[in-house]
Amino acid sequence: MTQTSNKVLSSEQSFVNDIQVRQAVLSDLESITSLFDAYRQFYGRSTDIAGAKAFLLERFNHGESALFIAFLGTDPVGFTQLYPSFSSVSLARIFILNDLFVSPDVRKKGVAKKLMQAAANFAKSLGAARMSLSTSVSNLSAQALYESMDWEKDDQFYHYQLPL
């Protein structure tokens, strides 16, 4: 490796070390709301800060999800949200990694990986059998991340939904 390559790697490693990830608490609601609204816009929805805040507050108030937030210093730069579920066949708890978002200015710098690791550690600590997620077939960068972290693509089941 060249000296320039070593400096780039050292700089990237330093950045990753500066990212702090922890489980979100109610006092993080404002920080997560802006990230959550940006996440929804990424998927083509109109901005709706009030709606995003109300949705997240409901999840907090009813203990319906586990949220993890990433900070660079005091700036929130990403989040992930897990929804609890169960597998009847496995007789076990599972978690659905439903949302993952990293601010565009810090993407591809290890933030998503740290968020996903925190989520996996949380699920393991509760004895979950697995985590699952879905992503768009066109989201190749997300697929590359998941596969680099040993997530396995499901080739046995189709996923259907019923709009209500």
N, C-alpha and C. Protein backbone atom coordinates (compact mmCIF):
# COMPACT_ATOMS: atom_id res chain seq x y z
N MET A 1 0.82 -1.17 0.00
CA MET A 1 0.00 0.00 0.00
C MET A 1 0.88 1.24 0.00
N THR A 2 0.46 2.24 -0.71
CA THR A 2 1.23 3.48 -0.77
C THR A 2 0.97 4.32 0.47
N GLN A 3 1.82 5.31 0.67
CA GLN A 3 1.67 6.19 1.81
C GLN A 3 0.34 6.96 1.71
N THR A 4 -0.04 7.36 0.49
CA THR A 4 -1.32 8.06 0.29
C THR A 4 -2.48 7.16 0.65
N SER A 5 -2.43 5.88 0.23
CA SER A 5 -3.49 4.92 0.56
C SER A 5 -3.61 4.75 2.06
N ASN A 6 -2.48 4.67 2.74
CA ASN A 6 -2.50 4.52 4.20
C ASN A 6 -3.14 5.73 4.87
N LYS A 7 -2.87 6.93 4.35
CA LYS A 7 -3.47 8.14 4.92
C LYS A 7 -4.98 8.13 4.72
N VAL A 8 -5.46 7.71 3.55
CA VAL A 8 -6.89 7.65 3.28
C VAL A 8 -7.55 6.65 4.22
N LEU A 9 -6.95 5.46 4.35
CA LEU A 9 -7.51 4.46 5.26
C LEU A 9 -7.51 4.96 6.68
N SER A 10 -6.44 5.61 7.09
CA SER A 10 -6.35 6.14 8.45
C SER A 10 -7.43 7.19 8.68
N SER A 11 -7.68 8.04 7.70
CA SER A 11 -8.70 9.07 7.80
C SER A 11 -10.09 8.45 7.90
N GLU A 12 -10.36 7.43 7.08
CA GLU A 12 -11.66 6.75 7.12
C GLU A 12 -11.85 6.05 8.46
N GLN A 13 -10.81 5.39 8.97
CA GLN A 13 -10.92 4.71 10.26
C GLN A 13 -11.17 5.70 11.37
N SER A 14 -10.50 6.85 11.30
CA SER A 14 -10.70 7.89 12.29
C SER A 14 -12.15 8.36 12.27
N PHE A 15 -12.73 8.52 11.09
CA PHE A 15 -14.11 8.95 10.97
C PHE A 15 -15.04 7.94 11.64
N VAL A 16 -14.84 6.65 11.32
CA VAL A 16 -15.67 5.59 11.91
C VAL A 16 -15.56 5.62 13.43
N ASN A 17 -14.36 5.84 13.94
CA ASN A 17 -14.18 5.89 15.39
C ASN A 17 -14.89 7.09 16.01
N ASP A 18 -15.11 8.14 15.24
CA ASP A 18 -15.80 9.33 15.75
C ASP A 18 -17.32 9.16 15.78
N ILE A 19 -17.84 8.14 15.14
CA ILE A 19 -19.28 7.88 15.12
C ILE A 19 -19.66 7.12 16.39
N GLN A 20 -20.64 7.66 17.08
CA GLN A 20 -21.17 7.00 18.27
C GLN A 20 -22.60 6.56 17.99
N VAL A 21 -22.89 5.30 18.29
CA VAL A 21 -24.23 4.75 18.09
C VAL A 21 -24.76 4.28 19.43
N ARG A 22 -26.00 4.61 19.70
CA ARG A 22 -26.64 4.14 20.92
C ARG A 22 -28.14 4.01 20.69
N GLN A 23 -28.79 3.28 21.59
CA GLN A 23 -30.24 3.17 21.49
C GLN A 23 -30.84 4.54 21.79
N ALA A 24 -31.79 4.92 20.99
CA ALA A 24 -32.44 6.22 21.15
C ALA A 24 -33.39 6.20 22.34
N VAL A 25 -33.52 7.38 22.94
CA VAL A 25 -34.47 7.59 24.02
C VAL A 25 -35.38 8.74 23.62
N LEU A 26 -36.43 8.94 24.40
CA LEU A 26 -37.43 9.94 24.05
C LEU A 26 -36.82 11.33 23.83
N SER A 27 -35.78 11.67 24.57
CA SER A 27 -35.17 12.99 24.39
C SER A 27 -34.46 13.13 23.04
N ASP A 28 -34.31 12.04 22.29
CA ASP A 28 -33.73 12.07 20.94
C ASP A 28 -34.79 12.30 19.87
N LEU A 29 -36.04 12.47 20.28
CA LEU A 29 -37.14 12.53 19.31
C LEU A 29 -36.93 13.59 18.23
N GLU A 30 -36.50 14.79 18.61
CA GLU A 30 -36.29 15.85 17.61
C GLU A 30 -35.23 15.45 16.59
N SER A 31 -34.12 14.90 17.07
CA SER A 31 -33.03 14.49 16.18
C SER A 31 -33.47 13.39 15.22
N ILE A 32 -34.19 12.43 15.74
CA ILE A 32 -34.62 11.31 14.90
C ILE A 32 -35.70 11.77 13.93
N THR A 33 -36.56 12.69 14.35
CA THR A 33 -37.64 13.16 13.48
C THR A 33 -37.09 13.73 12.18
N SER A 34 -36.07 14.55 12.25
CA SER A 34 -35.54 15.14 11.01
C SER A 34 -34.91 14.06 10.13
N LEU A 35 -34.22 13.09 10.73
CA LEU A 35 -33.66 11.99 9.95
C LEU A 35 -34.76 11.12 9.35
N PHE A 36 -35.79 10.85 10.14
CA PHE A 36 -36.90 10.01 9.70
C PHE A 36 -37.65 10.68 8.54
N ASP A 37 -37.83 12.00 8.62
CA ASP A 37 -38.48 12.72 7.53
C ASP A 37 -37.63 12.65 6.26
N ALA A 38 -36.32 12.79 6.39
CA ALA A 38 -35.43 12.68 5.23
C ALA A 38 -35.49 11.26 4.64
N TYR A 39 -35.56 10.26 5.50
CA TYR A 39 -35.68 8.87 5.07
C TYR A 39 -36.95 8.68 4.22
N ARG A 40 -38.07 9.22 4.71
CA ARG A 40 -39.33 9.10 3.98
C ARG A 40 -39.25 9.82 2.64
N GLN A 41 -38.57 10.96 2.60
CA GLN A 41 -38.40 11.68 1.34
C GLN A 41 -37.55 10.88 0.37
N PHE A 42 -36.54 10.17 0.88
CA PHE A 42 -35.71 9.30 0.05
C PHE A 42 -36.59 8.30 -0.70
N TYR A 43 -37.68 7.86 -0.06
CA TYR A 43 -38.60 6.91 -0.67
C TYR A 43 -39.78 7.58 -1.37
N GLY A 44 -39.61 8.87 -1.70
CA GLY A 44 -40.58 9.55 -2.54
C GLY A 44 -41.76 10.18 -1.83
N ARG A 45 -41.75 10.21 -0.52
CA ARG A 45 -42.84 10.83 0.23
C ARG A 45 -42.57 12.31 0.42
N SER A 46 -43.64 13.08 0.56
CA SER A 46 -43.50 14.51 0.84
C SER A 46 -43.06 14.71 2.28
N THR A 47 -42.37 15.81 2.52
CA THR A 47 -41.95 16.11 3.87
C THR A 47 -43.17 16.27 4.77
N ASP A 48 -43.08 15.74 5.98
CA ASP A 48 -44.16 15.82 6.94
C ASP A 48 -43.56 15.67 8.34
N ILE A 49 -42.95 16.75 8.80
CA ILE A 49 -42.28 16.72 10.10
C ILE A 49 -43.26 16.36 11.22
N ALA A 50 -44.43 16.98 11.21
CA ALA A 50 -45.41 16.72 12.27
C ALA A 50 -45.85 15.25 12.25
N GLY A 51 -46.10 14.73 11.06
CA GLY A 51 -46.50 13.32 10.94
C GLY A 51 -45.39 12.37 11.36
N ALA A 52 -44.16 12.68 10.95
CA ALA A 52 -43.01 11.84 11.33
C ALA A 52 -42.84 11.83 12.84
N LYS A 53 -42.94 13.00 13.45
CA LYS A 53 -42.78 13.10 14.90
C LYS A 53 -43.88 12.33 15.63
N ALA A 54 -45.11 12.48 15.17
CA ALA A 54 -46.24 11.76 15.80
C ALA A 54 -46.07 10.25 15.66
N PHE A 55 -45.64 9.80 14.49
CA PHE A 55 -45.42 8.36 14.26
C PHE A 55 -44.36 7.82 15.22
N LEU A 56 -43.23 8.51 15.29
CA LEU A 56 -42.14 8.06 16.17
C LEU A 56 -42.55 8.12 17.64
N LEU A 57 -43.27 9.16 18.02
CA LEU A 57 -43.72 9.28 19.41
C LEU A 57 -44.62 8.12 19.79
N GLU A 58 -45.48 7.70 18.88
CA GLU A 58 -46.34 6.53 19.13
C GLU A 58 -45.49 5.27 19.36
N ARG A 59 -44.45 5.10 18.57
CA ARG A 59 -43.60 3.93 18.75
C ARG A 59 -42.93 3.97 20.13
N PHE A 60 -42.44 5.15 20.52
CA PHE A 60 -41.84 5.30 21.86
C PHE A 60 -42.87 5.03 22.96
N ASN A 61 -44.03 5.67 22.85
CA ASN A 61 -45.04 5.59 23.91
C ASN A 61 -45.57 4.19 24.13
N HIS A 62 -45.58 3.39 23.07
CA HIS A 62 -46.13 2.04 23.17
C HIS A 62 -45.05 0.94 23.16
N GLY A 63 -43.80 1.34 23.16
CA GLY A 63 -42.71 0.35 23.15
C GLY A 63 -42.77 -0.56 21.94
N GLU A 64 -43.16 0.00 20.79
CA GLU A 64 -43.38 -0.81 19.61
C GLU A 64 -42.18 -0.95 18.69
N SER A 65 -41.10 -0.28 19.02
CA SER A 65 -39.91 -0.44 18.19
C SER A 65 -38.68 -0.13 19.04
N ALA A 66 -37.55 -0.48 18.48
CA ALA A 66 -36.26 -0.11 19.08
C ALA A 66 -35.54 0.73 18.04
N LEU A 67 -35.18 1.93 18.44
CA LEU A 67 -34.49 2.86 17.55
C LEU A 67 -33.06 3.03 18.00
N PHE A 68 -32.17 3.10 17.02
CA PHE A 68 -30.76 3.37 17.29
C PHE A 68 -30.38 4.59 16.47
N ILE A 69 -29.58 5.46 17.08
CA ILE A 69 -29.20 6.71 16.44
C ILE A 69 -27.69 6.83 16.42
N ALA A 70 -27.17 7.35 15.32
CA ALA A 70 -25.73 7.57 15.16
C ALA A 70 -25.44 9.06 15.22
N PHE A 71 -24.39 9.40 15.94
CA PHE A 71 -23.95 10.79 16.06
C PHE A 71 -22.52 10.93 15.60
N LEU A 72 -22.24 12.03 14.94
CA LEU A 72 -20.88 12.47 14.66
C LEU A 72 -20.72 13.73 15.50
N GLY A 73 -20.03 13.60 16.61
CA GLY A 73 -20.00 14.66 17.60
C GLY A 73 -21.39 14.78 18.19
N THR A 74 -21.99 15.95 18.07
CA THR A 74 -23.36 16.14 18.57
C THR A 74 -24.38 16.12 17.44
N ASP A 75 -23.92 15.90 16.21
CA ASP A 75 -24.82 15.90 15.06
C ASP A 75 -25.38 14.51 14.79
N PRO A 76 -26.72 14.38 14.74
CA PRO A 76 -27.30 13.10 14.37
C PRO A 76 -27.09 12.86 12.87
N VAL A 77 -26.57 11.67 12.52
CA VAL A 77 -26.24 11.41 11.12
C VAL A 77 -26.89 10.14 10.56
N GLY A 78 -27.61 9.40 11.40
CA GLY A 78 -28.26 8.20 10.90
C GLY A 78 -29.08 7.53 11.97
N PHE A 79 -29.96 6.63 11.53
CA PHE A 79 -30.77 5.86 12.48
C PHE A 79 -31.17 4.54 11.85
N THR A 80 -31.57 3.62 12.69
CA THR A 80 -32.21 2.40 12.24
C THR A 80 -33.32 2.08 13.23
N GLN A 81 -34.37 1.43 12.73
CA GLN A 81 -35.52 1.09 13.56
C GLN A 81 -35.85 -0.38 13.39
N LEU A 82 -35.99 -1.06 14.52
CA LEU A 82 -36.35 -2.47 14.55
C LEU A 82 -37.77 -2.62 15.07
N TYR A 83 -38.53 -3.51 14.45
CA TYR A 83 -39.84 -3.86 14.96
C TYR A 83 -39.80 -5.30 15.46
N PRO A 84 -40.29 -5.53 16.67
CA PRO A 84 -40.30 -6.90 17.20
C PRO A 84 -41.39 -7.73 16.54
N SER A 85 -41.10 -8.99 16.39
CA SER A 85 -42.07 -9.95 15.89
C SER A 85 -41.69 -11.32 16.44
N PHE A 86 -42.36 -12.35 15.93
CA PHE A 86 -42.09 -13.71 16.41
C PHE A 86 -42.16 -14.67 15.23
N SER A 87 -41.44 -15.76 15.36
CA SER A 87 -41.50 -16.84 14.38
C SER A 87 -42.17 -18.03 15.05
N SER A 88 -43.34 -18.39 14.55
CA SER A 88 -44.05 -19.55 15.09
C SER A 88 -43.28 -20.83 14.82
N VAL A 89 -42.71 -20.95 13.63
CA VAL A 89 -41.98 -22.16 13.27
C VAL A 89 -40.74 -22.32 14.14
N SER A 90 -40.03 -21.22 14.40
CA SER A 90 -38.81 -21.27 15.22
C SER A 90 -39.11 -21.18 16.71
N LEU A 91 -40.35 -20.87 17.06
CA LEU A 91 -40.72 -20.66 18.46
C LEU A 91 -39.80 -19.63 19.11
N ALA A 92 -39.60 -18.53 18.39
CA ALA A 92 -38.61 -17.56 18.86
C ALA A 92 -39.00 -16.14 18.47
N ARG A 93 -38.39 -15.21 19.17
CA ARG A 93 -38.49 -13.78 18.87
C ARG A 93 -37.62 -13.49 17.65
N ILE A 94 -38.11 -12.60 16.80
CA ILE A 94 -37.33 -12.10 15.68
C ILE A 94 -37.50 -10.58 15.63
N PHE A 95 -36.66 -9.91 14.88
CA PHE A 95 -36.80 -8.47 14.69
C PHE A 95 -36.75 -8.16 13.20
N ILE A 96 -37.56 -7.20 12.81
CA ILE A 96 -37.57 -6.71 11.44
C ILE A 96 -36.82 -5.39 11.42
N LEU A 97 -35.72 -5.36 10.69
CA LEU A 97 -35.00 -4.11 10.50
C LEU A 97 -35.75 -3.38 9.39
N ASN A 98 -36.63 -2.48 9.81
CA ASN A 98 -37.55 -1.86 8.87
C ASN A 98 -37.00 -0.60 8.23
N ASP A 99 -36.23 0.17 9.00
CA ASP A 99 -35.75 1.46 8.52
C ASP A 99 -34.26 1.60 8.78
N LEU A 100 -33.55 2.11 7.81
CA LEU A 100 -32.13 2.40 7.94
C LEU A 100 -31.86 3.62 7.08
N PHE A 101 -31.29 4.66 7.69
CA PHE A 101 -31.02 5.88 6.94
C PHE A 101 -29.75 6.51 7.47
N VAL A 102 -28.93 6.97 6.53
CA VAL A 102 -27.70 7.71 6.85
C VAL A 102 -27.72 8.99 6.02
N SER A 103 -27.40 10.09 6.66
CA SER A 103 -27.35 11.38 5.96
C SER A 103 -26.43 11.27 4.74
N PRO A 104 -26.85 11.83 3.62
CA PRO A 104 -26.08 11.71 2.38
C PRO A 104 -24.61 12.13 2.50
N ASP A 105 -24.32 13.13 3.32
CA ASP A 105 -22.95 13.63 3.41
C ASP A 105 -22.00 12.70 4.16
N VAL A 106 -22.53 11.67 4.83
CA VAL A 106 -21.64 10.72 5.54
C VAL A 106 -21.86 9.27 5.10
N ARG A 107 -22.49 9.09 3.95
CA ARG A 107 -22.70 7.72 3.46
C ARG A 107 -21.39 7.10 3.01
N LYS A 108 -21.37 5.77 3.06
CA LYS A 108 -20.22 4.95 2.64
C LYS A 108 -18.99 5.21 3.51
N LYS A 109 -19.24 5.54 4.78
CA LYS A 109 -18.15 5.78 5.71
C LYS A 109 -18.28 4.92 6.97
N GLY A 110 -19.14 3.91 6.92
CA GLY A 110 -19.25 2.97 8.03
C GLY A 110 -20.37 3.25 9.01
N VAL A 111 -21.15 4.30 8.79
CA VAL A 111 -22.23 4.64 9.72
C VAL A 111 -23.32 3.56 9.70
N ALA A 112 -23.76 3.17 8.53
CA ALA A 112 -24.82 2.15 8.42
C ALA A 112 -24.37 0.84 9.05
N LYS A 113 -23.13 0.48 8.83
CA LYS A 113 -22.61 -0.76 9.41
C LYS A 113 -22.65 -0.70 10.93
N LYS A 114 -22.26 0.43 11.52
CA LYS A 114 -22.29 0.56 12.98
C LYS A 114 -23.73 0.52 13.51
N LEU A 115 -24.65 1.13 12.78
CA LEU A 115 -26.05 1.07 13.19
C LEU A 115 -26.58 -0.37 13.15
N MET A 116 -26.26 -1.07 12.09
CA MET A 116 -26.73 -2.45 11.95
C MET A 116 -26.10 -3.37 12.98
N GLN A 117 -24.85 -3.14 13.32
CA GLN A 117 -24.20 -3.93 14.37
C GLN A 117 -24.86 -3.70 15.72
N ALA A 118 -25.19 -2.43 16.02
CA ALA A 118 -25.87 -2.13 17.28
C ALA A 118 -27.23 -2.81 17.32
N ALA A 119 -27.95 -2.80 16.21
CA ALA A 119 -29.25 -3.45 16.14
C ALA A 119 -29.11 -4.96 16.34
N ALA A 120 -28.12 -5.56 15.71
CA ALA A 120 -27.91 -7.01 15.85
C ALA A 120 -27.52 -7.36 17.28
N ASN A 121 -26.68 -6.57 17.90
CA ASN A 121 -26.30 -6.83 19.29
C ASN A 121 -27.51 -6.74 20.21
N PHE A 122 -28.37 -5.77 19.98
CA PHE A 122 -29.60 -5.62 20.75
C PHE A 122 -30.48 -6.86 20.60
N ALA A 123 -30.71 -7.28 19.36
CA ALA A 123 -31.56 -8.45 19.09
C ALA A 123 -30.97 -9.71 19.74
N LYS A 124 -29.67 -9.89 19.62
CA LYS A 124 -29.02 -11.05 20.25
C LYS A 124 -29.19 -11.01 21.76
N SER A 125 -29.07 -9.83 22.36
CA SER A 125 -29.18 -9.71 23.81
C SER A 125 -30.56 -10.10 24.32
N LEU A 126 -31.56 -10.02 23.45
CA LEU A 126 -32.91 -10.41 23.81
C LEU A 126 -33.24 -11.84 23.38
N GLY A 127 -32.24 -12.56 22.88
CA GLY A 127 -32.43 -13.96 22.49
C GLY A 127 -33.14 -14.16 21.17
N ALA A 128 -33.14 -13.16 20.32
CA ALA A 128 -33.81 -13.28 19.03
C ALA A 128 -33.13 -14.34 18.17
N ALA A 129 -33.92 -15.02 17.38
CA ALA A 129 -33.40 -16.05 16.49
C ALA A 129 -32.81 -15.45 15.22
N ARG A 130 -33.37 -14.31 14.79
CA ARG A 130 -32.86 -13.68 13.57
C ARG A 130 -33.43 -12.28 13.44
N MET A 131 -32.84 -11.57 12.50
CA MET A 131 -33.38 -10.29 12.03
C MET A 131 -33.65 -10.46 10.55
N SER A 132 -34.61 -9.70 10.06
CA SER A 132 -34.89 -9.74 8.63
C SER A 132 -35.10 -8.31 8.14
N LEU A 133 -34.95 -8.15 6.84
CA LEU A 133 -35.19 -6.85 6.22
C LEU A 133 -35.57 -7.05 4.78
N SER A 134 -36.12 -6.01 4.19
CA SER A 134 -36.43 -5.98 2.77
C SER A 134 -35.80 -4.74 2.20
N THR A 135 -35.39 -4.83 0.95
CA THR A 135 -34.87 -3.66 0.26
C THR A 135 -35.28 -3.74 -1.20
N SER A 136 -35.26 -2.61 -1.83
CA SER A 136 -35.62 -2.54 -3.24
C SER A 136 -34.63 -3.35 -4.07
N VAL A 137 -35.11 -4.01 -5.10
CA VAL A 137 -34.23 -4.77 -5.97
C VAL A 137 -33.23 -3.87 -6.68
N SER A 138 -33.54 -2.58 -6.78
CA SER A 138 -32.62 -1.66 -7.44
C SER A 138 -31.62 -1.01 -6.49
N ASN A 139 -31.75 -1.24 -5.19
CA ASN A 139 -30.86 -0.62 -4.22
C ASN A 139 -29.59 -1.46 -4.05
N LEU A 140 -28.74 -1.40 -5.03
CA LEU A 140 -27.55 -2.25 -5.07
C LEU A 140 -26.55 -1.92 -3.98
N SER A 141 -26.43 -0.65 -3.60
CA SER A 141 -25.46 -0.30 -2.56
C SER A 141 -25.91 -0.87 -1.21
N ALA A 142 -27.21 -0.85 -0.93
CA ALA A 142 -27.71 -1.45 0.30
C ALA A 142 -27.49 -2.96 0.28
N GLN A 143 -27.76 -3.59 -0.85
CA GLN A 143 -27.56 -5.03 -0.95
C GLN A 143 -26.10 -5.39 -0.72
N ALA A 144 -25.19 -4.60 -1.26
CA ALA A 144 -23.76 -4.86 -1.06
C ALA A 144 -23.40 -4.75 0.42
N LEU A 145 -23.96 -3.76 1.10
CA LEU A 145 -23.70 -3.62 2.54
C LEU A 145 -24.20 -4.85 3.28
N TYR A 146 -25.44 -5.24 3.06
CA TYR A 146 -26.01 -6.38 3.78
C TYR A 146 -25.20 -7.65 3.54
N GLU A 147 -24.84 -7.88 2.29
CA GLU A 147 -24.08 -9.09 1.98
C GLU A 147 -22.68 -9.04 2.59
N SER A 148 -22.10 -7.85 2.69
CA SER A 148 -20.78 -7.73 3.32
C SER A 148 -20.83 -8.01 4.82
N MET A 149 -22.04 -7.93 5.39
CA MET A 149 -22.23 -8.17 6.82
C MET A 149 -22.84 -9.55 7.08
N ASP A 150 -22.77 -10.42 6.08
CA ASP A 150 -23.22 -11.81 6.18
C ASP A 150 -24.73 -12.01 6.23
N TRP A 151 -25.49 -11.00 5.82
CA TRP A 151 -26.92 -11.21 5.66
C TRP A 151 -27.10 -12.12 4.45
N GLU A 152 -28.09 -13.00 4.51
CA GLU A 152 -28.33 -13.95 3.44
C GLU A 152 -29.60 -13.58 2.68
N LYS A 153 -29.48 -13.53 1.35
CA LYS A 153 -30.64 -13.23 0.52
C LYS A 153 -31.59 -14.43 0.54
N ASP A 154 -32.86 -14.18 0.76
CA ASP A 154 -33.87 -15.23 0.81
C ASP A 154 -34.21 -15.66 -0.61
N ASP A 155 -33.96 -16.90 -0.92
CA ASP A 155 -34.32 -17.40 -2.25
C ASP A 155 -35.36 -18.51 -2.15
N GLN A 156 -35.96 -18.65 -0.95
CA GLN A 156 -36.97 -19.69 -0.75
C GLN A 156 -38.39 -19.16 -0.70
N PHE A 157 -38.54 -17.87 -0.38
CA PHE A 157 -39.87 -17.31 -0.19
C PHE A 157 -40.07 -16.05 -1.02
N TYR A 158 -41.29 -15.88 -1.49
CA TYR A 158 -41.71 -14.62 -2.08
C TYR A 158 -42.39 -13.81 -0.99
N HIS A 159 -42.31 -12.53 -1.08
CA HIS A 159 -42.96 -11.67 -0.11
C HIS A 159 -44.12 -10.96 -0.81
N TYR A 160 -45.29 -11.02 -0.19
CA TYR A 160 -46.48 -10.38 -0.72
C TYR A 160 -46.99 -9.36 0.28
N GLN A 161 -47.78 -8.43 -0.20
CA GLN A 161 -48.44 -7.49 0.69
C GLN A 161 -49.85 -7.22 0.19
N LEU A 162 -50.71 -6.87 1.13
CA LEU A 162 -52.08 -6.57 0.82
C LEU A 162 -52.36 -5.13 1.24
N PRO A 163 -52.45 -4.23 0.28
CA PRO A 163 -52.77 -2.83 0.65
C PRO A 163 -54.16 -2.75 1.26
N LEU A 164 -54.30 -2.06 2.36
CA LEU A 164 -55.60 -1.94 3.04
C LEU A 164 -56.09 -0.51 3.05
